[in-house]
């Protein structure tokens, strides 16, 4: 009787290790590309926030947000949000509802406040700022809310 060789249908352990390593490397590359894209997007947002002015598109968006909230029977609309780290005090005054929180605003947030003072406040609107999230217990983003609540007697 002669020995017949049986074909081995299984890949070697070394082949499987190589395949696992290739998959891990591809996943790491994808993660790095996502992080680079997010970092670029964040840098563009920071640049826009501190260097640009409120655009006509942003003004139109604010108007749409207000009109939608009013149509839904609400008395306020969040018209803008930004990281609390963009405030001069990291959002401390806003988080603690301290008088003068407006003075901590910078960039587009300050411009929105100035536009509010000039255009909306004389029309009976209010503006409030709140910390809207607390990632890991730390103040995250600030929301600016335009309000039109009825006066309290």
N, C-alpha and C. Protein backbone atom coordinates (compact mmCIF):
# COMPACT_ATOMS: atom_id res chain seq x y z
N UNK A 1 0.82 -1.17 0.00
CA UNK A 1 0.00 0.00 0.00
C UNK A 1 0.87 1.24 0.00
N UNK A 2 0.50 2.16 -0.79
CA UNK A 2 1.25 3.40 -0.82
C UNK A 2 0.47 4.47 -0.06
N UNK A 3 1.23 5.33 0.56
CA UNK A 3 0.59 6.41 1.32
C UNK A 3 0.15 7.49 0.35
N UNK A 4 -1.06 7.89 0.49
CA UNK A 4 -1.54 8.99 -0.34
C UNK A 4 -1.55 10.25 0.51
N UNK A 5 -1.19 11.33 -0.12
CA UNK A 5 -1.18 12.58 0.65
C UNK A 5 -2.56 13.22 0.61
N UNK A 6 -2.97 13.64 1.77
CA UNK A 6 -4.28 14.28 1.90
C UNK A 6 -4.04 15.79 1.83
N UNK A 7 -4.75 16.50 0.94
CA UNK A 7 -4.55 17.94 0.89
C UNK A 7 -5.02 18.58 2.20
N UNK A 8 -4.26 19.59 2.66
CA UNK A 8 -4.57 20.28 3.91
C UNK A 8 -5.46 21.48 3.57
N UNK A 9 -6.76 21.39 3.95
CA UNK A 9 -7.67 22.48 3.59
C UNK A 9 -7.51 23.71 4.49
N UNK A 10 -6.77 23.62 5.56
CA UNK A 10 -6.64 24.73 6.51
C UNK A 10 -5.41 25.58 6.18
N UNK A 11 -5.58 26.87 6.38
CA UNK A 11 -4.45 27.77 6.25
C UNK A 11 -3.55 27.57 7.47
N UNK A 12 -2.32 27.93 7.32
CA UNK A 12 -1.40 27.77 8.46
C UNK A 12 -1.70 28.85 9.50
N UNK A 13 -1.28 28.60 10.71
CA UNK A 13 -1.45 29.57 11.78
C UNK A 13 -0.72 30.87 11.43
N UNK A 14 0.43 30.73 10.78
CA UNK A 14 1.19 31.92 10.36
C UNK A 14 0.39 32.75 9.36
N UNK A 15 -0.28 32.08 8.42
CA UNK A 15 -1.11 32.80 7.45
C UNK A 15 -2.24 33.56 8.15
N UNK A 16 -2.87 32.92 9.14
CA UNK A 16 -3.96 33.56 9.87
C UNK A 16 -3.46 34.76 10.67
N UNK A 17 -2.26 34.64 11.26
CA UNK A 17 -1.69 35.76 12.00
C UNK A 17 -1.41 36.92 11.07
N UNK A 18 -0.88 36.62 9.89
CA UNK A 18 -0.61 37.68 8.90
C UNK A 18 -1.90 38.37 8.48
N UNK A 19 -2.94 37.58 8.24
CA UNK A 19 -4.22 38.14 7.83
C UNK A 19 -4.78 39.05 8.93
N UNK A 20 -4.71 38.61 10.19
CA UNK A 20 -5.20 39.41 11.31
C UNK A 20 -4.41 40.71 11.41
N UNK A 21 -3.10 40.64 11.24
CA UNK A 21 -2.26 41.83 11.30
C UNK A 21 -2.58 42.79 10.16
N UNK A 22 -2.81 42.26 8.96
CA UNK A 22 -3.18 43.11 7.83
C UNK A 22 -4.50 43.84 8.10
N UNK A 23 -5.46 43.13 8.66
CA UNK A 23 -6.75 43.74 8.97
C UNK A 23 -6.59 44.83 10.04
N UNK A 24 -5.77 44.56 11.06
CA UNK A 24 -5.54 45.55 12.11
C UNK A 24 -4.85 46.79 11.53
N UNK A 25 -3.90 46.59 10.65
CA UNK A 25 -3.19 47.72 10.03
C UNK A 25 -4.15 48.55 9.17
N UNK A 26 -5.01 47.88 8.42
CA UNK A 26 -5.98 48.60 7.59
C UNK A 26 -6.94 49.41 8.47
N UNK A 27 -7.37 48.84 9.59
CA UNK A 27 -8.26 49.56 10.50
C UNK A 27 -7.55 50.77 11.11
N UNK A 28 -6.29 50.61 11.48
CA UNK A 28 -5.52 51.73 12.04
C UNK A 28 -5.38 52.85 11.01
N UNK A 29 -5.15 52.49 9.74
CA UNK A 29 -5.03 53.49 8.68
C UNK A 29 -6.35 54.24 8.51
N UNK A 30 -7.47 53.50 8.53
CA UNK A 30 -8.79 54.15 8.42
C UNK A 30 -9.01 55.10 9.59
N UNK A 31 -8.67 54.66 10.80
CA UNK A 31 -8.83 55.50 11.99
C UNK A 31 -7.99 56.77 11.88
N UNK A 32 -6.77 56.65 11.40
CA UNK A 32 -5.90 57.82 11.25
C UNK A 32 -6.45 58.79 10.21
N UNK A 33 -7.01 58.26 9.13
CA UNK A 33 -7.60 59.13 8.11
C UNK A 33 -8.81 59.87 8.68
N UNK A 34 -9.64 59.17 9.47
CA UNK A 34 -10.81 59.81 10.09
C UNK A 34 -10.35 60.90 11.05
N UNK A 35 -9.35 60.59 11.88
CA UNK A 35 -8.83 61.59 12.82
C UNK A 35 -8.26 62.79 12.10
N UNK A 36 -7.54 62.57 11.02
CA UNK A 36 -6.97 63.69 10.25
C UNK A 36 -8.08 64.54 9.64
N UNK A 37 -9.13 63.88 9.13
CA UNK A 37 -10.27 64.61 8.55
C UNK A 37 -10.97 65.43 9.63
N UNK A 38 -11.17 64.84 10.82
CA UNK A 38 -11.81 65.55 11.92
C UNK A 38 -10.95 66.72 12.40
N UNK A 39 -9.65 66.53 12.48
CA UNK A 39 -8.75 67.60 12.90
C UNK A 39 -8.78 68.76 11.90
N UNK A 40 -8.82 68.43 10.63
CA UNK A 40 -8.90 69.47 9.59
C UNK A 40 -10.22 70.23 9.70
N UNK A 41 -11.30 69.49 9.88
CA UNK A 41 -12.63 70.10 10.01
C UNK A 41 -12.68 71.01 11.24
N UNK A 42 -12.10 70.55 12.35
CA UNK A 42 -12.07 71.36 13.57
C UNK A 42 -11.24 72.63 13.36
N UNK A 43 -10.10 72.49 12.72
CA UNK A 43 -9.25 73.65 12.45
C UNK A 43 -9.98 74.66 11.57
N UNK A 44 -10.72 74.18 10.58
CA UNK A 44 -11.49 75.07 9.72
C UNK A 44 -12.59 75.77 10.52
N UNK A 45 -13.25 75.03 11.44
CA UNK A 45 -14.29 75.61 12.28
C UNK A 45 -13.71 76.71 13.17
N UNK A 46 -12.57 76.43 13.80
CA UNK A 46 -11.91 77.41 14.67
C UNK A 46 -11.55 78.65 13.87
N UNK A 47 -10.97 78.44 12.70
CA UNK A 47 -10.59 79.56 11.84
C UNK A 47 -11.82 80.40 11.47
N UNK A 48 -12.89 79.73 11.09
CA UNK A 48 -14.12 80.42 10.72
C UNK A 48 -14.71 81.16 11.92
N UNK A 49 -14.73 80.53 13.08
CA UNK A 49 -15.32 81.13 14.28
C UNK A 49 -14.61 82.42 14.69
N UNK A 50 -13.30 82.40 14.64
CA UNK A 50 -12.53 83.54 15.12
C UNK A 50 -12.17 84.57 14.05
N UNK A 51 -12.21 84.20 12.78
CA UNK A 51 -11.74 85.12 11.74
C UNK A 51 -12.84 85.64 10.82
N UNK A 52 -13.92 84.90 10.69
CA UNK A 52 -14.97 85.29 9.75
C UNK A 52 -16.13 85.97 10.48
N UNK A 53 -17.01 86.57 9.69
CA UNK A 53 -18.21 87.20 10.23
C UNK A 53 -19.41 86.29 9.97
N UNK A 54 -20.49 86.58 10.67
CA UNK A 54 -21.73 85.84 10.45
C UNK A 54 -22.16 86.07 9.00
N UNK A 55 -22.33 84.98 8.28
CA UNK A 55 -22.67 85.10 6.85
C UNK A 55 -24.17 85.27 6.67
N UNK A 56 -24.53 85.64 5.46
CA UNK A 56 -25.96 85.75 5.13
C UNK A 56 -26.64 84.40 5.26
N UNK A 57 -25.93 83.32 4.90
CA UNK A 57 -26.50 81.97 5.06
C UNK A 57 -26.76 81.66 6.53
N UNK A 58 -25.83 82.05 7.40
CA UNK A 58 -26.02 81.81 8.83
C UNK A 58 -27.18 82.64 9.37
N UNK A 59 -27.31 83.86 8.91
CA UNK A 59 -28.45 84.71 9.32
C UNK A 59 -29.76 84.08 8.87
N UNK A 60 -29.79 83.57 7.65
CA UNK A 60 -31.00 82.93 7.13
C UNK A 60 -31.32 81.67 7.94
N UNK A 61 -30.29 80.92 8.32
CA UNK A 61 -30.50 79.71 9.12
C UNK A 61 -31.08 80.07 10.49
N UNK A 62 -30.56 81.12 11.10
CA UNK A 62 -31.09 81.57 12.40
C UNK A 62 -32.56 81.94 12.27
N UNK A 63 -32.87 82.66 11.21
CA UNK A 63 -34.28 83.05 10.99
C UNK A 63 -35.16 81.81 10.82
N UNK A 64 -34.69 80.82 10.06
CA UNK A 64 -35.46 79.58 9.87
C UNK A 64 -35.66 78.85 11.19
N UNK A 65 -34.61 78.78 12.01
CA UNK A 65 -34.72 78.11 13.31
C UNK A 65 -35.76 78.79 14.20
N UNK A 66 -35.74 80.12 14.20
CA UNK A 66 -36.70 80.88 15.02
C UNK A 66 -38.12 80.66 14.50
N UNK A 67 -38.31 80.76 13.21
CA UNK A 67 -39.65 80.60 12.63
C UNK A 67 -40.18 79.18 12.85
N UNK A 68 -39.31 78.19 12.75
CA UNK A 68 -39.72 76.79 12.98
C UNK A 68 -40.13 76.61 14.44
N UNK A 69 -39.35 77.13 15.38
CA UNK A 69 -39.68 77.01 16.80
C UNK A 69 -41.01 77.70 17.10
N UNK A 70 -41.20 78.88 16.54
CA UNK A 70 -42.46 79.62 16.76
C UNK A 70 -43.64 78.84 16.17
N UNK A 71 -43.46 78.27 15.00
CA UNK A 71 -44.51 77.48 14.37
C UNK A 71 -44.85 76.24 15.19
N UNK A 72 -43.87 75.75 15.96
CA UNK A 72 -44.08 74.58 16.83
C UNK A 72 -44.63 75.00 18.19
N UNK A 73 -44.92 76.28 18.39
CA UNK A 73 -45.48 76.75 19.65
C UNK A 73 -44.45 76.95 20.76
N UNK A 74 -43.19 77.03 20.39
CA UNK A 74 -42.13 77.23 21.38
C UNK A 74 -41.83 78.71 21.56
N UNK A 75 -41.15 79.02 22.65
CA UNK A 75 -40.80 80.41 22.96
C UNK A 75 -39.29 80.65 22.93
N UNK A 76 -38.56 79.72 22.38
CA UNK A 76 -37.11 79.92 22.24
C UNK A 76 -36.58 78.99 21.16
N UNK A 77 -35.42 79.35 20.66
CA UNK A 77 -34.73 78.52 19.67
C UNK A 77 -33.24 78.64 19.90
N UNK A 78 -32.55 77.50 19.87
CA UNK A 78 -31.10 77.55 19.94
C UNK A 78 -30.61 77.98 18.56
N UNK A 79 -29.97 79.13 18.52
CA UNK A 79 -29.58 79.71 17.24
C UNK A 79 -28.10 79.51 16.91
N UNK A 80 -27.31 79.10 17.90
CA UNK A 80 -25.88 78.91 17.65
C UNK A 80 -25.30 78.08 18.78
N UNK A 81 -24.28 77.30 18.48
CA UNK A 81 -23.55 76.59 19.53
C UNK A 81 -22.07 76.58 19.18
N UNK A 82 -21.26 76.47 20.22
CA UNK A 82 -19.81 76.50 20.06
C UNK A 82 -19.17 75.93 21.32
N UNK A 83 -17.94 75.49 21.25
CA UNK A 83 -17.27 74.94 22.43
C UNK A 83 -17.09 76.00 23.52
N UNK A 84 -17.33 75.61 24.76
CA UNK A 84 -17.16 76.55 25.87
C UNK A 84 -15.72 77.02 25.99
N UNK A 85 -14.79 76.24 25.47
CA UNK A 85 -13.38 76.65 25.51
C UNK A 85 -13.13 77.90 24.67
N UNK A 86 -14.09 78.28 23.81
CA UNK A 86 -13.95 79.49 23.01
C UNK A 86 -14.30 80.74 23.81
N UNK A 87 -14.86 80.58 25.00
CA UNK A 87 -15.11 81.72 25.88
C UNK A 87 -13.81 82.07 26.59
N UNK A 88 -13.65 83.33 26.94
CA UNK A 88 -12.42 83.77 27.60
C UNK A 88 -12.18 83.03 28.91
N UNK A 89 -13.26 82.59 29.59
CA UNK A 89 -13.12 81.89 30.86
C UNK A 89 -13.47 80.41 30.77
N UNK A 90 -13.49 79.87 29.56
CA UNK A 90 -13.81 78.46 29.38
C UNK A 90 -15.27 78.13 29.66
N UNK A 91 -16.14 79.12 29.69
CA UNK A 91 -17.56 78.90 29.92
C UNK A 91 -17.99 78.98 31.37
N UNK A 92 -17.08 79.34 32.25
CA UNK A 92 -17.37 79.39 33.69
C UNK A 92 -18.53 80.33 34.01
N UNK A 93 -18.50 81.54 33.48
CA UNK A 93 -19.56 82.52 33.78
C UNK A 93 -20.91 82.04 33.27
N UNK A 94 -20.93 81.43 32.10
CA UNK A 94 -22.19 80.91 31.55
C UNK A 94 -22.67 79.74 32.40
N UNK A 95 -21.78 78.83 32.73
CA UNK A 95 -22.15 77.65 33.52
C UNK A 95 -22.71 78.04 34.88
N UNK A 96 -22.22 79.14 35.45
CA UNK A 96 -22.66 79.57 36.78
C UNK A 96 -23.67 80.72 36.73
N UNK A 97 -24.17 81.02 35.55
CA UNK A 97 -25.16 82.11 35.35
C UNK A 97 -24.71 83.41 36.01
N UNK A 98 -23.45 83.75 35.82
CA UNK A 98 -22.90 84.96 36.42
C UNK A 98 -23.23 86.18 35.57
N UNK A 99 -23.49 87.31 36.22
CA UNK A 99 -23.70 88.55 35.46
C UNK A 99 -22.44 88.85 34.64
N UNK A 100 -22.64 89.37 33.46
CA UNK A 100 -21.51 89.73 32.61
C UNK A 100 -20.98 88.58 31.77
N UNK A 101 -21.69 87.46 31.72
CA UNK A 101 -21.22 86.33 30.90
C UNK A 101 -20.99 86.75 29.45
N UNK A 102 -21.72 87.76 29.01
CA UNK A 102 -21.61 88.23 27.63
C UNK A 102 -20.20 88.72 27.31
N UNK A 103 -19.52 89.24 28.33
CA UNK A 103 -18.17 89.78 28.11
C UNK A 103 -17.14 88.68 27.84
N UNK A 104 -17.50 87.42 28.09
CA UNK A 104 -16.56 86.33 27.87
C UNK A 104 -16.63 85.79 26.45
N UNK A 105 -17.62 86.25 25.67
CA UNK A 105 -17.81 85.76 24.30
C UNK A 105 -16.72 86.30 23.39
N UNK A 106 -16.38 85.50 22.41
CA UNK A 106 -15.38 85.87 21.41
C UNK A 106 -15.89 85.46 20.03
N UNK A 107 -15.24 85.93 19.01
CA UNK A 107 -15.51 85.49 17.65
C UNK A 107 -16.96 85.68 17.23
N UNK A 108 -17.48 84.68 16.54
CA UNK A 108 -18.85 84.76 16.03
C UNK A 108 -19.87 84.85 17.15
N UNK A 109 -19.59 84.22 18.30
CA UNK A 109 -20.53 84.30 19.42
C UNK A 109 -20.69 85.75 19.87
N UNK A 110 -19.59 86.47 19.94
CA UNK A 110 -19.66 87.89 20.31
C UNK A 110 -20.41 88.68 19.25
N UNK A 111 -20.16 88.36 18.00
CA UNK A 111 -20.86 89.04 16.91
C UNK A 111 -22.37 88.77 16.98
N UNK A 112 -22.75 87.54 17.29
CA UNK A 112 -24.17 87.23 17.43
C UNK A 112 -24.76 88.04 18.58
N UNK A 113 -24.04 88.12 19.70
CA UNK A 113 -24.54 88.91 20.82
C UNK A 113 -24.69 90.37 20.42
N UNK A 114 -23.71 90.91 19.72
CA UNK A 114 -23.78 92.31 19.30
C UNK A 114 -24.96 92.54 18.34
N UNK A 115 -25.19 91.59 17.43
CA UNK A 115 -26.34 91.69 16.52
C UNK A 115 -27.65 91.61 17.30
N UNK A 116 -27.68 90.73 18.31
CA UNK A 116 -28.86 90.63 19.16
C UNK A 116 -29.14 91.98 19.82
N UNK A 117 -28.12 92.57 20.41
CA UNK A 117 -28.29 93.86 21.10
C UNK A 117 -28.82 94.93 20.14
N UNK A 118 -28.30 94.91 18.92
CA UNK A 118 -28.64 95.93 17.93
C UNK A 118 -30.01 95.70 17.29
N UNK A 119 -30.32 94.44 16.94
CA UNK A 119 -31.51 94.17 16.14
C UNK A 119 -32.66 93.50 16.89
N UNK A 120 -32.36 92.51 17.70
CA UNK A 120 -33.43 91.70 18.29
C UNK A 120 -33.93 92.22 19.63
N UNK A 121 -33.03 92.66 20.47
CA UNK A 121 -33.44 93.14 21.80
C UNK A 121 -34.44 94.29 21.70
N UNK A 122 -34.23 95.27 20.82
CA UNK A 122 -35.22 96.34 20.70
C UNK A 122 -36.60 95.84 20.25
N UNK A 123 -36.64 94.64 19.65
CA UNK A 123 -37.90 94.06 19.19
C UNK A 123 -38.55 93.18 20.27
N UNK A 124 -37.97 93.15 21.47
CA UNK A 124 -38.56 92.39 22.58
C UNK A 124 -38.02 90.99 22.77
N UNK A 125 -36.98 90.62 22.04
CA UNK A 125 -36.38 89.30 22.19
C UNK A 125 -35.43 89.28 23.37
N UNK A 126 -35.15 88.08 23.87
CA UNK A 126 -34.13 87.88 24.87
C UNK A 126 -33.07 86.94 24.32
N UNK A 127 -31.93 86.89 24.98
CA UNK A 127 -30.87 85.97 24.59
C UNK A 127 -30.31 85.35 25.85
N UNK A 128 -30.22 84.04 25.85
CA UNK A 128 -29.60 83.37 26.99
C UNK A 128 -28.57 82.38 26.48
N UNK A 129 -27.61 82.11 27.33
CA UNK A 129 -26.55 81.15 27.00
C UNK A 129 -26.56 80.07 28.06
N UNK A 130 -26.45 78.82 27.62
CA UNK A 130 -26.42 77.67 28.53
C UNK A 130 -25.36 76.69 28.06
N UNK A 131 -24.76 76.01 29.02
CA UNK A 131 -23.91 74.87 28.67
C UNK A 131 -24.87 73.75 28.31
N UNK A 132 -24.73 73.19 27.11
CA UNK A 132 -25.72 72.21 26.64
C UNK A 132 -25.26 70.76 26.76
N UNK A 133 -24.01 70.55 27.11
CA UNK A 133 -23.54 69.18 27.36
C UNK A 133 -22.32 69.21 28.28
N UNK A 134 -22.10 68.09 28.92
CA UNK A 134 -21.01 67.98 29.89
C UNK A 134 -20.23 66.69 29.65
N UNK A 135 -19.42 66.63 28.61
CA UNK A 135 -18.65 65.40 28.37
C UNK A 135 -17.67 65.16 29.52
N UNK A 136 -17.74 63.97 30.07
CA UNK A 136 -16.90 63.57 31.20
C UNK A 136 -17.02 64.54 32.36
N UNK A 137 -18.22 65.16 32.52
CA UNK A 137 -18.48 66.06 33.64
C UNK A 137 -17.93 67.46 33.49
N UNK A 138 -17.35 67.75 32.34
CA UNK A 138 -16.73 69.06 32.10
C UNK A 138 -17.63 69.84 31.14
N UNK A 139 -17.82 71.17 31.38
CA UNK A 139 -18.64 71.94 30.45
C UNK A 139 -18.16 71.77 29.01
N UNK A 140 -19.10 71.40 28.13
CA UNK A 140 -18.77 71.17 26.73
C UNK A 140 -19.12 72.35 25.86
N UNK A 141 -20.27 72.25 25.20
CA UNK A 141 -20.68 73.29 24.26
C UNK A 141 -21.63 74.29 24.91
N UNK A 142 -21.58 75.51 24.39
CA UNK A 142 -22.49 76.57 24.78
C UNK A 142 -23.56 76.67 23.71
N UNK A 143 -24.81 76.80 24.12
CA UNK A 143 -25.89 77.07 23.20
C UNK A 143 -26.38 78.48 23.43
N UNK A 144 -26.53 79.26 22.37
CA UNK A 144 -27.14 80.58 22.46
C UNK A 144 -28.59 80.44 22.03
N UNK A 145 -29.50 80.87 22.91
CA UNK A 145 -30.93 80.72 22.68
C UNK A 145 -31.59 82.08 22.54
N UNK A 146 -32.26 82.29 21.43
CA UNK A 146 -33.07 83.48 21.25
C UNK A 146 -34.44 83.16 21.84
N UNK A 147 -34.96 84.06 22.69
CA UNK A 147 -36.24 83.82 23.36
C UNK A 147 -37.23 84.92 23.04
N UNK A 148 -38.51 84.57 23.11
CA UNK A 148 -39.60 85.53 22.93
C UNK A 148 -40.74 85.20 23.87
N UNK A 149 -40.35 84.81 25.08
CA UNK A 149 -41.32 84.45 26.10
C UNK A 149 -42.17 85.66 26.47
N UNK A 150 -43.45 85.41 26.84
CA UNK A 150 -44.28 86.54 27.26
C UNK A 150 -43.72 87.15 28.54
N UNK A 151 -43.89 88.45 28.72
CA UNK A 151 -43.38 89.10 29.94
C UNK A 151 -44.06 88.54 31.18
N UNK A 152 -43.28 88.43 32.25
CA UNK A 152 -43.81 87.96 33.53
C UNK A 152 -44.29 89.18 34.31
N UNK A 153 -45.55 89.13 34.76
CA UNK A 153 -46.10 90.28 35.51
C UNK A 153 -45.81 90.18 36.96
